[in-house]
N, C-alpha and C. Protein backbone atom coordinates (compact mmCIF):
# COMPACT_ATOMS: atom_id res chain seq x y z
N LEU A 1 0.83 -1.20 0.00
CA LEU A 1 0.00 0.00 0.00
C LEU A 1 0.87 1.26 0.00
N VAL A 2 1.95 1.23 0.76
CA VAL A 2 2.85 2.37 0.82
C VAL A 2 3.49 2.61 -0.54
N VAL A 3 3.87 1.54 -1.22
CA VAL A 3 4.49 1.66 -2.54
C VAL A 3 3.50 2.26 -3.54
N LEU A 4 2.23 1.82 -3.49
CA LEU A 4 1.23 2.35 -4.42
C LEU A 4 0.98 3.84 -4.17
N VAL A 5 0.91 4.23 -2.90
CA VAL A 5 0.70 5.65 -2.58
C VAL A 5 1.89 6.47 -3.03
N LEU A 6 3.08 5.98 -2.78
CA LEU A 6 4.29 6.68 -3.23
C LEU A 6 4.33 6.78 -4.75
N GLN A 7 3.92 5.72 -5.42
CA GLN A 7 3.86 5.73 -6.89
C GLN A 7 2.90 6.81 -7.38
N LEU A 8 1.75 6.95 -6.73
CA LEU A 8 0.78 7.98 -7.10
C LEU A 8 1.34 9.38 -6.92
N VAL A 9 1.97 9.62 -5.78
CA VAL A 9 2.50 10.94 -5.47
C VAL A 9 3.61 11.33 -6.46
N VAL A 10 4.54 10.43 -6.69
CA VAL A 10 5.65 10.73 -7.59
C VAL A 10 5.14 10.90 -9.03
N SER A 11 4.20 10.05 -9.42
CA SER A 11 3.66 10.13 -10.78
C SER A 11 2.96 11.47 -11.02
N PHE A 12 2.09 11.88 -10.09
CA PHE A 12 1.40 13.16 -10.30
C PHE A 12 2.36 14.33 -10.20
N ALA A 13 3.33 14.24 -9.30
CA ALA A 13 4.30 15.34 -9.19
C ALA A 13 5.04 15.51 -10.51
N TYR A 14 5.44 14.42 -11.13
CA TYR A 14 6.18 14.52 -12.39
C TYR A 14 5.27 15.00 -13.53
N PHE A 15 4.20 14.25 -13.78
CA PHE A 15 3.35 14.59 -14.93
C PHE A 15 2.63 15.92 -14.74
N GLY A 16 2.12 16.19 -13.55
CA GLY A 16 1.43 17.46 -13.31
C GLY A 16 2.34 18.64 -13.54
N THR A 17 3.55 18.57 -13.01
CA THR A 17 4.51 19.66 -13.18
C THR A 17 4.93 19.81 -14.63
N GLN A 18 5.25 18.72 -15.28
CA GLN A 18 5.71 18.79 -16.67
C GLN A 18 4.62 19.31 -17.60
N TRP A 19 3.40 18.79 -17.45
CA TRP A 19 2.31 19.24 -18.33
C TRP A 19 1.92 20.69 -18.07
N THR A 20 1.89 21.10 -16.80
CA THR A 20 1.40 22.43 -16.46
C THR A 20 2.45 23.51 -16.66
N ILE A 21 3.65 23.27 -16.17
CA ILE A 21 4.69 24.31 -16.20
C ILE A 21 5.49 24.27 -17.49
N VAL A 22 5.94 23.09 -17.91
CA VAL A 22 6.80 22.95 -19.08
C VAL A 22 5.98 22.80 -20.37
N GLY A 23 4.83 22.13 -20.27
CA GLY A 23 3.99 21.91 -21.45
C GLY A 23 4.30 20.63 -22.19
N THR A 24 5.25 19.86 -21.68
CA THR A 24 5.64 18.62 -22.33
C THR A 24 6.42 17.76 -21.33
N THR A 25 6.41 16.46 -21.52
CA THR A 25 7.25 15.57 -20.73
C THR A 25 8.51 15.28 -21.53
N LEU A 26 9.45 14.59 -20.92
CA LEU A 26 10.68 14.25 -21.66
C LEU A 26 10.37 13.40 -22.88
N GLY A 27 9.49 12.42 -22.74
CA GLY A 27 9.11 11.58 -23.87
C GLY A 27 8.41 12.35 -24.97
N MET A 28 7.51 13.25 -24.56
CA MET A 28 6.81 14.07 -25.55
C MET A 28 7.79 14.99 -26.27
N ARG A 29 8.78 15.49 -25.54
CA ARG A 29 9.79 16.36 -26.15
C ARG A 29 10.57 15.59 -27.21
N LEU A 30 10.94 14.35 -26.91
CA LEU A 30 11.66 13.53 -27.89
C LEU A 30 10.84 13.28 -29.15
N LEU A 31 9.52 13.19 -28.98
CA LEU A 31 8.63 12.97 -30.11
C LEU A 31 8.19 14.26 -30.78
N GLY A 32 8.62 15.40 -30.25
CA GLY A 32 8.25 16.69 -30.84
C GLY A 32 6.81 17.06 -30.57
N GLN A 33 6.30 16.69 -29.41
CA GLN A 33 4.91 16.97 -29.07
C GLN A 33 4.82 17.94 -27.90
N ARG A 34 3.67 18.57 -27.81
CA ARG A 34 3.40 19.53 -26.74
C ARG A 34 1.93 19.41 -26.37
N ILE A 35 1.60 19.67 -25.12
CA ILE A 35 0.20 19.60 -24.68
C ILE A 35 -0.30 21.00 -24.39
N GLY A 36 -1.55 21.26 -24.78
CA GLY A 36 -2.13 22.57 -24.55
C GLY A 36 -3.64 22.48 -24.39
N ASP A 37 -4.23 23.59 -24.06
CA ASP A 37 -5.68 23.67 -23.93
C ASP A 37 -6.29 23.49 -25.32
N GLU A 38 -7.37 22.72 -25.40
CA GLU A 38 -7.94 22.43 -26.72
C GLU A 38 -8.56 23.65 -27.39
N SER A 39 -8.93 24.68 -26.62
CA SER A 39 -9.57 25.84 -27.24
C SER A 39 -8.58 26.82 -27.84
N ASP A 40 -7.43 27.01 -27.18
CA ASP A 40 -6.50 28.02 -27.69
C ASP A 40 -5.04 27.55 -27.72
N GLY A 41 -4.75 26.36 -27.26
CA GLY A 41 -3.39 25.84 -27.31
C GLY A 41 -2.47 26.35 -26.22
N ARG A 42 -2.98 27.18 -25.34
CA ARG A 42 -2.15 27.71 -24.26
C ARG A 42 -1.84 26.64 -23.22
N ALA A 43 -1.00 26.97 -22.27
CA ALA A 43 -0.62 26.04 -21.21
C ALA A 43 -1.87 25.57 -20.45
N ILE A 44 -1.85 24.32 -20.04
CA ILE A 44 -3.00 23.79 -19.32
C ILE A 44 -2.91 24.15 -17.84
N THR A 45 -4.06 24.12 -17.18
CA THR A 45 -4.13 24.46 -15.76
C THR A 45 -3.84 23.22 -14.92
N TRP A 46 -3.64 23.44 -13.61
CA TRP A 46 -3.43 22.31 -12.70
C TRP A 46 -4.67 21.42 -12.66
N ARG A 47 -5.83 22.02 -12.80
CA ARG A 47 -7.08 21.22 -12.80
C ARG A 47 -7.11 20.30 -14.02
N GLN A 48 -6.80 20.84 -15.18
CA GLN A 48 -6.75 20.02 -16.39
C GLN A 48 -5.70 18.93 -16.26
N SER A 49 -4.58 19.28 -15.69
CA SER A 49 -3.50 18.31 -15.50
C SER A 49 -3.95 17.18 -14.58
N ALA A 50 -4.65 17.52 -13.50
CA ALA A 50 -5.13 16.51 -12.56
C ALA A 50 -6.15 15.59 -13.20
N ILE A 51 -7.07 16.15 -13.97
CA ILE A 51 -8.09 15.32 -14.64
C ILE A 51 -7.42 14.39 -15.64
N ARG A 52 -6.52 14.93 -16.44
CA ARG A 52 -5.83 14.11 -17.44
C ARG A 52 -5.03 13.00 -16.77
N TRP A 53 -4.35 13.34 -15.68
CA TRP A 53 -3.55 12.35 -14.96
C TRP A 53 -4.43 11.27 -14.34
N LEU A 54 -5.57 11.66 -13.77
CA LEU A 54 -6.46 10.67 -13.17
C LEU A 54 -6.97 9.66 -14.20
N VAL A 55 -7.40 10.17 -15.34
CA VAL A 55 -7.95 9.27 -16.36
C VAL A 55 -6.86 8.39 -16.96
N LEU A 56 -5.63 8.90 -17.06
CA LEU A 56 -4.51 8.09 -17.54
C LEU A 56 -3.87 7.27 -16.42
N GLY A 57 -3.73 7.87 -15.25
CA GLY A 57 -2.96 7.25 -14.17
C GLY A 57 -3.67 6.14 -13.42
N LEU A 58 -4.97 6.26 -13.23
CA LEU A 58 -5.67 5.22 -12.48
C LEU A 58 -5.68 3.87 -13.20
N PRO A 59 -5.94 3.83 -14.51
CA PRO A 59 -5.81 2.53 -15.18
C PRO A 59 -4.39 1.97 -15.11
N ALA A 60 -3.40 2.83 -15.22
CA ALA A 60 -2.02 2.36 -15.13
C ALA A 60 -1.72 1.84 -13.73
N LEU A 61 -2.25 2.51 -12.71
CA LEU A 61 -2.08 2.04 -11.33
C LEU A 61 -2.75 0.69 -11.14
N LEU A 62 -3.96 0.56 -11.67
CA LEU A 62 -4.65 -0.73 -11.56
C LEU A 62 -3.86 -1.84 -12.25
N ALA A 63 -3.33 -1.53 -13.41
CA ALA A 63 -2.55 -2.53 -14.15
C ALA A 63 -1.32 -2.95 -13.36
N SER A 64 -0.74 -2.04 -12.58
CA SER A 64 0.46 -2.38 -11.82
C SER A 64 0.16 -3.12 -10.52
N THR A 65 -1.10 -3.17 -10.10
CA THR A 65 -1.43 -3.86 -8.85
C THR A 65 -1.18 -5.36 -8.94
N ALA A 66 -1.18 -5.91 -10.12
CA ALA A 66 -0.90 -7.34 -10.27
C ALA A 66 0.49 -7.68 -9.74
N VAL A 67 1.40 -6.72 -9.77
CA VAL A 67 2.76 -6.94 -9.26
C VAL A 67 2.78 -6.89 -7.74
N TYR A 68 2.02 -5.95 -7.16
CA TYR A 68 2.08 -5.70 -5.72
C TYR A 68 1.09 -6.56 -4.92
N VAL A 69 0.03 -7.02 -5.55
CA VAL A 69 -0.99 -7.83 -4.87
C VAL A 69 -0.97 -9.21 -5.51
N PRO A 70 -0.20 -10.14 -4.94
CA PRO A 70 0.00 -11.44 -5.60
C PRO A 70 -1.10 -12.45 -5.31
N ASN A 71 -2.33 -12.12 -5.63
CA ASN A 71 -3.42 -13.09 -5.53
C ASN A 71 -4.43 -12.81 -6.64
N ILE A 72 -5.55 -13.44 -6.59
CA ILE A 72 -6.54 -13.32 -7.67
C ILE A 72 -7.09 -11.89 -7.76
N ILE A 73 -7.18 -11.20 -6.63
CA ILE A 73 -7.67 -9.82 -6.66
C ILE A 73 -6.71 -8.92 -7.43
N GLY A 74 -5.41 -9.08 -7.20
CA GLY A 74 -4.42 -8.31 -7.94
C GLY A 74 -4.47 -8.61 -9.42
N LEU A 75 -4.68 -9.88 -9.75
CA LEU A 75 -4.77 -10.27 -11.16
C LEU A 75 -6.00 -9.65 -11.83
N ILE A 76 -7.11 -9.65 -11.13
CA ILE A 76 -8.34 -9.05 -11.68
C ILE A 76 -8.18 -7.55 -11.85
N LEU A 77 -7.63 -6.88 -10.81
CA LEU A 77 -7.42 -5.43 -10.91
C LEU A 77 -6.44 -5.09 -12.03
N GLY A 78 -5.40 -5.91 -12.19
CA GLY A 78 -4.44 -5.70 -13.26
C GLY A 78 -5.09 -5.84 -14.63
N ALA A 79 -5.97 -6.84 -14.77
CA ALA A 79 -6.66 -7.05 -16.05
C ALA A 79 -7.62 -5.89 -16.35
N VAL A 80 -8.30 -5.39 -15.32
CA VAL A 80 -9.20 -4.25 -15.51
C VAL A 80 -8.41 -3.02 -15.93
N GLY A 81 -7.27 -2.79 -15.27
CA GLY A 81 -6.43 -1.65 -15.64
C GLY A 81 -5.92 -1.74 -17.06
N LEU A 82 -5.50 -2.93 -17.46
CA LEU A 82 -5.03 -3.12 -18.84
C LEU A 82 -6.16 -2.89 -19.84
N ALA A 83 -7.36 -3.37 -19.51
CA ALA A 83 -8.50 -3.16 -20.40
C ALA A 83 -8.82 -1.66 -20.54
N LEU A 84 -8.73 -0.93 -19.43
CA LEU A 84 -8.99 0.52 -19.49
C LEU A 84 -7.92 1.25 -20.30
N LEU A 85 -6.67 0.83 -20.18
CA LEU A 85 -5.61 1.44 -21.00
C LEU A 85 -5.84 1.16 -22.48
N LEU A 86 -6.27 -0.04 -22.80
CA LEU A 86 -6.59 -0.37 -24.20
C LEU A 86 -7.77 0.46 -24.70
N LEU A 87 -8.75 0.73 -23.81
CA LEU A 87 -9.88 1.58 -24.18
C LEU A 87 -9.40 3.00 -24.50
N LEU A 88 -8.45 3.51 -23.71
CA LEU A 88 -7.90 4.84 -23.99
C LEU A 88 -7.20 4.87 -25.35
N LEU A 89 -6.43 3.83 -25.65
CA LEU A 89 -5.78 3.75 -26.96
C LEU A 89 -6.81 3.69 -28.09
N TYR A 90 -7.88 2.93 -27.89
CA TYR A 90 -8.93 2.81 -28.90
C TYR A 90 -9.60 4.17 -29.14
N THR A 91 -9.90 4.90 -28.06
CA THR A 91 -10.55 6.20 -28.24
C THR A 91 -9.64 7.19 -28.95
N MET A 92 -8.33 7.09 -28.72
CA MET A 92 -7.39 7.95 -29.44
C MET A 92 -7.37 7.61 -30.92
N ALA A 93 -7.38 6.32 -31.23
CA ALA A 93 -7.32 5.88 -32.63
C ALA A 93 -8.59 6.27 -33.39
N GLN A 94 -9.73 6.33 -32.71
CA GLN A 94 -11.00 6.62 -33.36
C GLN A 94 -11.29 8.11 -33.49
N SER A 95 -10.58 8.94 -32.76
CA SER A 95 -10.83 10.38 -32.78
C SER A 95 -10.11 11.04 -33.95
N PRO A 96 -10.79 11.91 -34.71
CA PRO A 96 -10.13 12.61 -35.81
C PRO A 96 -8.98 13.49 -35.32
N SER A 97 -9.11 14.05 -34.12
CA SER A 97 -8.05 14.91 -33.58
C SER A 97 -7.08 14.12 -32.69
N LYS A 98 -7.27 12.79 -32.62
CA LYS A 98 -6.42 11.89 -31.83
C LYS A 98 -6.48 12.21 -30.34
N GLN A 99 -7.64 12.68 -29.88
CA GLN A 99 -7.84 12.93 -28.46
C GLN A 99 -8.49 11.70 -27.84
N GLY A 100 -7.83 11.15 -26.83
CA GLY A 100 -8.42 10.05 -26.09
C GLY A 100 -9.38 10.59 -25.05
N LEU A 101 -9.98 9.68 -24.27
CA LEU A 101 -10.89 10.12 -23.22
C LEU A 101 -10.20 11.05 -22.23
N HIS A 102 -8.93 10.78 -21.95
CA HIS A 102 -8.19 11.63 -21.01
C HIS A 102 -8.08 13.06 -21.52
N ASP A 103 -7.90 13.25 -22.81
CA ASP A 103 -7.84 14.60 -23.39
C ASP A 103 -9.22 15.23 -23.47
N ARG A 104 -10.23 14.45 -23.78
CA ARG A 104 -11.59 14.99 -23.89
C ARG A 104 -12.10 15.47 -22.54
N TYR A 105 -11.89 14.67 -21.49
CA TYR A 105 -12.35 15.07 -20.16
C TYR A 105 -11.59 16.28 -19.64
N ALA A 106 -10.31 16.37 -19.94
CA ALA A 106 -9.49 17.48 -19.45
C ALA A 106 -9.51 18.68 -20.39
N HIS A 107 -10.12 18.55 -21.56
CA HIS A 107 -10.16 19.61 -22.57
C HIS A 107 -8.74 20.02 -22.97
N THR A 108 -7.92 19.01 -23.26
CA THR A 108 -6.54 19.24 -23.70
C THR A 108 -6.33 18.59 -25.07
N ILE A 109 -5.24 18.99 -25.71
CA ILE A 109 -4.89 18.39 -27.00
C ILE A 109 -3.36 18.34 -27.11
N VAL A 110 -2.87 17.28 -27.70
CA VAL A 110 -1.45 17.14 -27.93
C VAL A 110 -1.17 17.57 -29.37
N THR A 111 -0.22 18.49 -29.53
CA THR A 111 0.10 19.02 -30.85
C THR A 111 1.61 18.89 -31.11
N ARG A 112 2.00 19.20 -32.32
CA ARG A 112 3.41 19.26 -32.66
C ARG A 112 4.03 20.48 -32.00
N ALA A 113 5.19 20.31 -31.42
CA ALA A 113 5.89 21.44 -30.81
C ALA A 113 6.50 22.30 -31.90
N ARG A 114 6.45 23.60 -31.72
CA ARG A 114 7.08 24.52 -32.66
C ARG A 114 8.57 24.53 -32.42
N ARG A 115 9.32 24.45 -33.48
CA ARG A 115 10.79 24.50 -33.37
C ARG A 115 11.23 25.94 -33.33
N ARG A 116 12.22 26.21 -32.51
CA ARG A 116 12.76 27.56 -32.43
C ARG A 116 13.96 27.68 -33.35
N ALA A 117 14.12 28.85 -33.96
CA ALA A 117 15.24 29.10 -34.84
C ALA A 117 16.52 29.19 -34.00
N SER A 118 17.59 28.64 -34.50
CA SER A 118 18.89 28.68 -33.76
C SER A 118 19.57 30.00 -33.94
């Protein structure tokens, strides 16, 4: 339980800070992507960041419980988490703007990052 709580705290601290303050994570930066508000592309708020993280993070947390809870309950929770992550991927693939449920609920969109002139 302590490991799961610590995982939640560290995960939100990283993703919340990166999405809200920087506008991108290290992986998104490598892919040339940036996250912004869907209406105007500006930096997202902490509220948007929290909603996006919850919709993305809770299924991932459930999927990881199979490692920490070594019985049938952990296996079931892990399978549910994996199914929810697959649902998020499916909603992204079906959306014309490639917004998954996490982006729709948070009113965010991932776009190409603008390159700066050297």
